[in-house]
Protein backbone atom coordinates (compact mmCIF):
# COMPACT_ATOMS: atom_id res chain seq x y z
CA MET A 1 44.77 17.46 -28.22
CA GLU A 2 41.20 16.41 -28.59
CA TYR A 3 38.05 18.82 -27.55
CA THR A 4 34.63 18.64 -26.12
CA TYR A 5 31.63 20.61 -25.28
CA LEU A 6 30.79 20.79 -21.34
CA GLY A 7 27.97 19.23 -21.05
CA ARG A 8 24.71 20.96 -22.50
CA SER A 9 26.81 24.06 -22.81
CA GLY A 10 28.35 25.41 -26.07
CA LEU A 11 31.82 25.80 -24.54
CA GLN A 12 34.40 23.55 -25.66
CA VAL A 13 36.91 22.06 -23.27
CA SER A 14 40.25 20.50 -23.42
CA ARG A 15 39.90 16.01 -22.90
CA LEU A 16 41.88 16.20 -20.03
CA CYS A 17 41.80 19.15 -17.31
CA LEU A 18 44.94 20.77 -15.64
CA GLY A 19 44.48 20.12 -11.77
CA THR A 20 46.09 22.85 -9.75
CA MET A 21 46.38 21.64 -6.32
CA HIS A 22 49.66 20.88 -5.47
CA PHE A 23 50.64 24.36 -7.14
CA GLY A 24 51.96 26.53 -4.05
CA ASP A 25 51.70 23.53 -1.84
CA ARG A 26 54.17 20.59 -3.13
CA THR A 27 54.68 23.09 -6.37
CA ASP A 28 56.71 26.10 -6.55
CA GLU A 29 55.85 29.11 -8.54
CA LYS A 30 58.54 28.54 -11.33
CA GLU A 31 57.58 25.21 -11.67
CA SER A 32 53.81 25.97 -12.06
CA PHE A 33 54.34 28.69 -14.53
CA ARG A 34 56.18 26.06 -16.83
CA ILE A 35 53.11 23.36 -15.92
CA MET A 36 50.71 25.82 -16.76
CA ASP A 37 52.92 26.92 -20.67
CA ALA A 38 53.20 23.59 -21.14
CA ALA A 39 49.89 22.64 -20.80
CA LEU A 40 49.00 25.23 -22.99
CA ASP A 41 50.92 24.25 -25.99
CA ALA A 42 49.86 21.09 -25.59
CA GLY A 43 46.46 21.96 -26.30
CA ILE A 44 44.78 21.51 -22.40
CA ASN A 45 42.59 24.82 -22.27
CA PHE A 46 40.36 23.66 -18.99
CA PHE A 47 42.33 24.69 -15.65
CA ASP A 48 40.74 23.56 -12.71
CA THR A 49 41.52 25.10 -9.09
CA ALA A 50 39.77 26.12 -6.34
CA ASN A 51 39.74 28.75 -3.89
CA VAL A 52 40.97 26.81 -0.50
CA TYR A 53 44.06 25.39 -2.81
CA GLY A 54 47.52 26.15 -1.72
CA GLY A 55 48.77 23.90 1.48
CA SER A 56 48.38 23.88 5.15
CA GLY A 57 48.27 27.76 6.12
CA GLN A 58 48.19 29.01 2.65
CA ARG A 59 44.82 28.55 1.75
CA GLY A 60 44.14 30.82 -1.63
CA LEU A 61 48.07 30.73 -2.62
CA THR A 62 47.11 28.52 -6.00
CA GLU A 63 44.75 30.91 -7.23
CA GLU A 64 47.53 33.70 -6.47
CA ILE A 65 50.12 31.96 -8.47
CA ILE A 66 47.51 31.52 -11.70
CA GLY A 67 46.65 35.22 -11.48
CA LYS A 68 50.54 36.27 -11.30
CA TRP A 69 50.05 33.75 -14.34
CA PHE A 70 47.83 35.60 -16.18
CA SER A 71 49.78 38.77 -15.25
CA LEU A 72 52.56 37.71 -17.74
CA GLY A 73 50.21 38.57 -20.71
CA GLY A 74 50.84 36.91 -24.14
CA GLY A 75 47.04 36.15 -24.49
CA ARG A 76 47.10 33.46 -21.53
CA ARG A 77 43.97 34.59 -20.05
CA ASP A 78 41.96 34.35 -23.18
CA ARG A 79 43.12 30.98 -24.05
CA VAL A 80 42.35 29.15 -21.06
CA ILE A 81 38.76 28.04 -19.85
CA LEU A 82 39.06 28.84 -15.96
CA ALA A 83 36.90 26.19 -13.30
CA THR A 84 37.29 27.69 -9.10
CA LYS A 85 35.11 26.19 -6.70
CA VAL A 86 33.50 28.13 -3.23
CA TYR A 87 31.89 26.11 -0.33
CA GLN A 88 34.84 25.94 2.22
CA PRO A 89 36.00 28.66 5.19
CA MET A 90 39.05 30.70 3.86
CA GLN A 91 40.94 31.68 7.10
CA ASN A 92 44.07 30.72 7.52
CA ASP A 93 44.65 31.01 11.04
CA ARG A 94 41.42 29.43 12.44
CA PRO A 95 39.50 26.51 12.88
CA TYR A 96 36.02 26.06 11.39
CA ASP A 97 34.33 26.38 14.54
CA GLN A 98 36.27 29.76 15.53
CA ALA A 99 35.79 31.38 11.79
CA GLY A 100 32.41 33.18 12.30
CA PRO A 101 28.96 31.77 11.60
CA ASN A 102 28.95 32.88 7.99
CA GLU A 103 32.45 31.18 7.08
CA ALA A 104 31.32 28.17 7.96
CA PRO A 105 31.41 25.38 5.28
CA GLY A 106 28.57 26.09 2.88
CA LEU A 107 26.69 27.46 0.30
CA SER A 108 25.01 31.02 1.54
CA ALA A 109 24.09 33.92 -1.32
CA TYR A 110 26.30 35.96 1.55
CA LYS A 111 29.32 33.52 1.26
CA ILE A 112 29.35 33.03 -2.81
CA ARG A 113 29.49 36.91 -3.59
CA ARG A 114 31.90 37.35 -1.32
CA HIS A 115 34.38 34.42 -1.70
CA LEU A 116 33.52 34.62 -5.49
CA GLU A 117 34.96 38.61 -5.23
CA ASP A 118 37.93 37.52 -3.26
CA SER A 119 38.55 34.78 -5.87
CA LEU A 120 38.20 37.50 -8.87
CA GLN A 121 40.97 39.49 -7.15
CA ARG A 122 43.36 36.86 -6.35
CA LEU A 123 43.12 35.23 -9.90
CA GLN A 124 43.30 38.84 -11.38
CA THR A 125 40.28 38.67 -13.62
CA ASP A 126 36.98 39.84 -14.44
CA ARG A 127 35.08 36.49 -14.94
CA VAL A 128 35.60 32.71 -14.03
CA GLU A 129 34.47 30.89 -17.21
CA LEU A 130 33.13 27.77 -14.65
CA TYR A 131 32.20 28.55 -11.03
CA GLN A 132 31.67 24.91 -9.08
CA MET A 133 30.29 24.25 -5.69
CA HIS A 134 32.86 22.15 -3.90
CA HIS A 135 30.28 20.25 -2.12
CA ILE A 136 26.75 19.91 -1.45
CA ASP A 137 24.91 22.45 1.25
CA ARG A 138 21.99 20.63 2.07
CA HIS A 139 20.79 23.88 4.19
CA ILE A 140 20.72 25.85 1.08
CA THR A 141 17.28 26.22 -0.83
CA GLY A 142 16.93 25.94 -4.87
CA PRO A 143 15.77 29.64 -5.04
CA GLU A 144 18.61 31.11 -3.18
CA LEU A 145 21.32 28.80 -5.28
CA TRP A 146 20.04 29.70 -8.14
CA GLY A 147 19.15 33.51 -7.47
CA VAL A 148 22.52 34.12 -6.53
CA PHE A 149 24.02 32.21 -9.35
CA ASP A 150 21.77 33.52 -12.52
CA ASN A 151 22.57 37.23 -11.00
CA LEU A 152 26.19 36.56 -11.26
CA VAL A 153 26.48 35.23 -14.80
CA GLN A 154 23.89 38.22 -15.73
CA GLN A 155 26.66 40.05 -14.09
CA GLY A 156 29.35 38.24 -16.34
CA LYS A 157 31.30 37.39 -13.67
CA ILE A 158 30.49 33.67 -13.92
CA LEU A 159 29.54 32.59 -17.53
CA TYR A 160 28.63 28.71 -15.88
CA VAL A 161 27.47 26.83 -12.83
CA GLY A 162 29.05 23.40 -12.08
CA SER A 163 29.01 21.17 -9.24
CA SER A 164 31.10 18.57 -7.23
CA ASN A 165 30.83 15.94 -4.67
CA PHE A 166 27.10 15.74 -5.55
CA ALA A 167 25.18 12.71 -5.70
CA GLY A 168 22.49 11.35 -8.22
CA TRP A 169 19.15 12.74 -7.10
CA HIS A 170 21.32 16.25 -6.02
CA LEU A 171 21.86 16.54 -9.64
CA ALA A 172 18.20 15.95 -10.28
CA LYS A 173 17.05 17.69 -7.73
CA VAL A 174 19.20 21.29 -8.41
CA GLN A 175 18.81 20.97 -12.19
CA ALA A 176 14.98 20.83 -11.46
CA GLU A 177 14.96 24.12 -9.74
CA ALA A 178 17.08 25.87 -12.55
CA GLU A 179 14.16 24.61 -15.29
CA LYS A 180 11.88 26.65 -12.87
CA ARG A 181 13.85 29.70 -13.31
CA ASN A 182 14.72 28.95 -17.27
CA SER A 183 17.86 28.86 -15.92
CA LEU A 184 20.47 26.95 -17.69
CA GLY A 185 21.45 25.20 -14.43
CA LEU A 186 24.57 23.09 -13.71
CA VAL A 187 26.89 22.31 -16.84
CA SER A 188 29.06 19.77 -14.70
CA GLU A 189 29.72 17.72 -12.38
CA GLN A 190 33.26 16.96 -10.76
CA HIS A 191 33.32 13.89 -8.61
CA MET A 192 36.29 11.66 -7.78
CA TYR A 193 36.14 8.27 -10.52
CA SER A 194 38.88 5.42 -11.21
CA LEU A 195 39.35 2.04 -11.56
CA LEU A 196 39.17 1.74 -7.44
CA CYS A 197 36.31 3.92 -7.30
CA ARG A 198 33.05 3.02 -9.79
CA TRP A 199 30.50 3.93 -7.34
CA PRO A 200 29.27 7.01 -9.53
CA GLU A 201 28.40 4.28 -11.94
CA LEU A 202 26.05 3.16 -10.00
CA GLU A 203 23.64 6.25 -10.28
CA VAL A 204 25.77 9.61 -10.60
CA LEU A 205 27.59 9.08 -13.84
CA PRO A 206 23.85 7.70 -15.32
CA ALA A 207 22.06 10.81 -13.83
CA ALA A 208 24.92 13.16 -15.28
CA LYS A 209 24.62 11.89 -18.59
CA HIS A 210 20.81 12.14 -18.50
CA LEU A 211 20.68 15.36 -17.61
CA GLY A 212 23.45 17.11 -19.83
CA ILE A 213 26.07 17.75 -16.88
CA GLY A 214 29.77 16.67 -18.25
CA VAL A 215 31.70 14.59 -15.54
CA ILE A 216 34.97 15.99 -14.66
CA PRO A 217 36.84 12.68 -12.58
CA TYR A 218 38.93 13.97 -9.98
CA MET A 219 41.77 11.70 -8.74
CA PRO A 220 41.51 8.74 -11.98
CA TYR A 221 44.71 7.32 -10.76
CA ASP A 222 43.25 7.23 -6.99
CA GLY A 223 46.33 9.23 -5.36
CA GLY A 224 48.59 6.95 -6.81
CA LEU A 225 47.42 3.50 -6.40
CA LEU A 226 47.08 3.10 -10.28
CA THR A 227 50.44 4.17 -11.40
CA GLY A 228 52.04 1.22 -10.98
CA LYS A 229 54.25 -0.30 -8.11
CA PRO A 230 51.99 1.37 -5.62
CA PHE A 231 53.65 -1.47 -2.84
CA ASN A 232 57.37 0.23 -3.10
CA SER A 233 55.95 3.83 -2.99
CA GLN A 234 57.31 6.09 -1.05
CA LYS A 235 54.24 8.45 -1.32
CA VAL A 236 51.58 5.58 -0.51
CA ALA A 237 53.91 4.45 2.56
CA ARG A 238 53.57 8.31 4.10
CA ARG A 239 50.15 7.76 4.35
CA SER A 240 48.42 4.97 6.47
CA ASP A 241 44.89 5.33 4.93
CA MET A 242 46.85 4.34 1.32
CA ALA A 243 49.16 1.96 2.39
CA ALA A 244 46.07 0.20 4.36
CA LYS A 245 43.95 0.54 1.21
CA ALA A 246 47.39 -0.55 -1.59
CA GLU A 247 47.28 -3.69 0.92
CA LYS A 248 43.15 -4.20 0.68
CA TYR A 249 43.48 -4.51 -3.34
CA ARG A 250 47.04 -5.91 -3.38
CA GLU A 251 45.64 -8.83 -5.60
CA ALA A 252 43.61 -6.67 -7.51
CA LEU A 253 46.11 -4.46 -8.20
CA GLU A 254 48.78 -7.13 -9.07
CA ALA A 255 46.26 -8.17 -11.38
CA TYR A 256 46.37 -5.08 -12.98
CA SER A 257 50.22 -4.38 -13.35
CA ALA A 258 50.25 -8.21 -14.83
CA PHE A 259 47.46 -7.21 -17.72
CA CYS A 260 49.41 -4.07 -17.99
CA GLU A 261 52.70 -5.66 -19.03
CA SER A 262 51.07 -8.11 -21.35
CA ILE A 263 48.99 -5.55 -23.40
CA GLY A 264 52.52 -3.33 -23.05
CA LEU A 265 51.24 -0.35 -21.45
CA ALA A 266 51.93 1.57 -18.66
CA GLU A 267 49.20 1.37 -15.55
CA ILE A 268 49.22 5.13 -15.30
CA ASP A 269 48.43 4.75 -18.82
CA VAL A 270 45.71 2.31 -19.04
CA ALA A 271 44.01 4.23 -15.92
CA LEU A 272 43.47 7.12 -17.46
CA ALA A 273 41.97 5.87 -21.33
CA TRP A 274 39.61 3.84 -18.64
CA VAL A 275 38.19 6.92 -17.62
CA LEU A 276 38.61 8.85 -20.70
CA ALA A 277 36.58 6.13 -22.49
CA ASN A 278 33.65 6.68 -20.55
CA PRO A 279 30.97 8.74 -22.28
CA ALA A 280 29.74 10.33 -19.54
CA VAL A 281 33.12 11.99 -18.67
CA THR A 282 34.06 15.48 -20.47
CA ALA A 283 37.42 15.38 -19.02
CA PRO A 284 39.43 13.54 -15.85
CA ILE A 285 41.72 16.19 -14.04
CA ILE A 286 45.09 15.81 -13.97
CA GLY A 287 47.06 17.03 -10.88
CA CYS A 288 50.36 17.61 -12.03
CA ARG A 289 53.41 18.34 -9.44
CA THR A 290 56.04 18.58 -11.93
CA LEU A 291 56.30 19.07 -15.75
CA GLY A 292 57.45 15.31 -16.09
CA HIS A 293 53.56 14.19 -14.77
CA LEU A 294 51.83 16.53 -17.19
CA GLU A 295 53.92 15.15 -19.95
CA GLY A 296 53.37 11.32 -19.17
CA SER A 297 49.16 11.95 -18.89
CA LEU A 298 49.50 12.71 -23.06
CA ARG A 299 49.87 9.98 -23.79
CA SER A 300 46.37 8.43 -22.39
CA LEU A 301 45.00 10.42 -25.53
CA SER A 302 46.74 8.21 -27.91
CA ILE A 303 44.66 4.86 -26.39
CA GLY A 304 42.13 2.89 -27.26
CA LEU A 305 40.96 0.08 -25.22
CA ASP A 306 39.44 -2.76 -27.11
CA ALA A 307 36.44 -4.41 -25.74
CA GLY A 308 38.80 -7.19 -24.80
CA MET A 309 40.55 -5.26 -22.47
CA MET A 310 38.23 -3.17 -21.13
CA ALA A 311 35.84 -6.79 -20.31
CA ARG A 312 39.18 -7.91 -18.43
CA LEU A 313 39.72 -4.66 -16.72
CA ASP A 314 35.76 -5.56 -15.12
CA GLU A 315 37.33 -8.54 -13.81
CA ILE A 316 40.25 -7.11 -11.99
CA PHE A 317 38.17 -4.52 -10.51
CA PRO A 318 34.47 -5.35 -11.07
CA GLY A 319 31.68 -2.08 -11.14
CA PRO A 320 28.73 -2.26 -9.11
CA GLY A 321 26.44 -2.07 -12.53
CA MET A 322 24.25 0.93 -12.87
CA ALA A 323 21.00 1.86 -10.45
CA PRO A 324 18.83 -0.46 -9.78
CA GLU A 325 19.85 -3.56 -11.41
CA GLY A 326 23.21 -2.84 -9.98
CA TYR A 327 21.60 -4.25 -6.43
CA ALA A 328 18.21 -5.16 -7.10
CA TRP A 329 16.69 -7.29 -9.72
């Protein structure tokens, strides 16, 4: 396993991050335990979750499963760099508009404190190494945001702060406020990024790299479209939006499959290796539903895409370029 620093922090994490979103929903507790054990054995020390994961009507279940796994001992907790998130409501039995004014999506100091305490209980731990804002909250001011985060860091309940789904200017704004307070600020940004979703290259990735924020891409396979044979996939067929997207990009996806076959590599391995090749990327998230999915993802670490291969992938899936050259002179 390869390791790298998380943004400008001194924390070292594995180049692959284990995503746990399916635990408790599509992956039962026993298989979840097997996946986490195998991840540790493979050298993956970076685990990502969120307080809302667990499936419909089961928000919090994923954190509970991870907590039960930690309780098995064997040094499991101390070997894991744990990341979770806050933003969404946690009421399983009520829609957003009936959850109460302070339980709506957001990042108030009131909500962050309460939701962190609940996460710590479910996870059966006393701290979270990386506490991430799951989405931007345009109402919250910098002083409120960093006031609560700095206090939680001082208490040792969180060690670092990350963001998710932030635009480039959000990163700059939040980081500027942190610097005014002599805070470390953000060390990571979790963002959708794949061969089929290259918009982050326009501003988010350059901003993150400049500000010392490590990018943690999610959906590197774009929901399975980049894993090979998407037009025959039952998973894609079950979702009308994915089926429509597959049809929209049929020509590119067919060219991609032909290219991967020509270089003797599987589509799924090339997709992950391409994401790993970006210098702004710290560790893409691999969302494993089975142990086999985890084992397959490890192959990408040994794949080196040369300049010719990268150029061909740019031809198949053109990127937007970097701002402002991507849309101006």
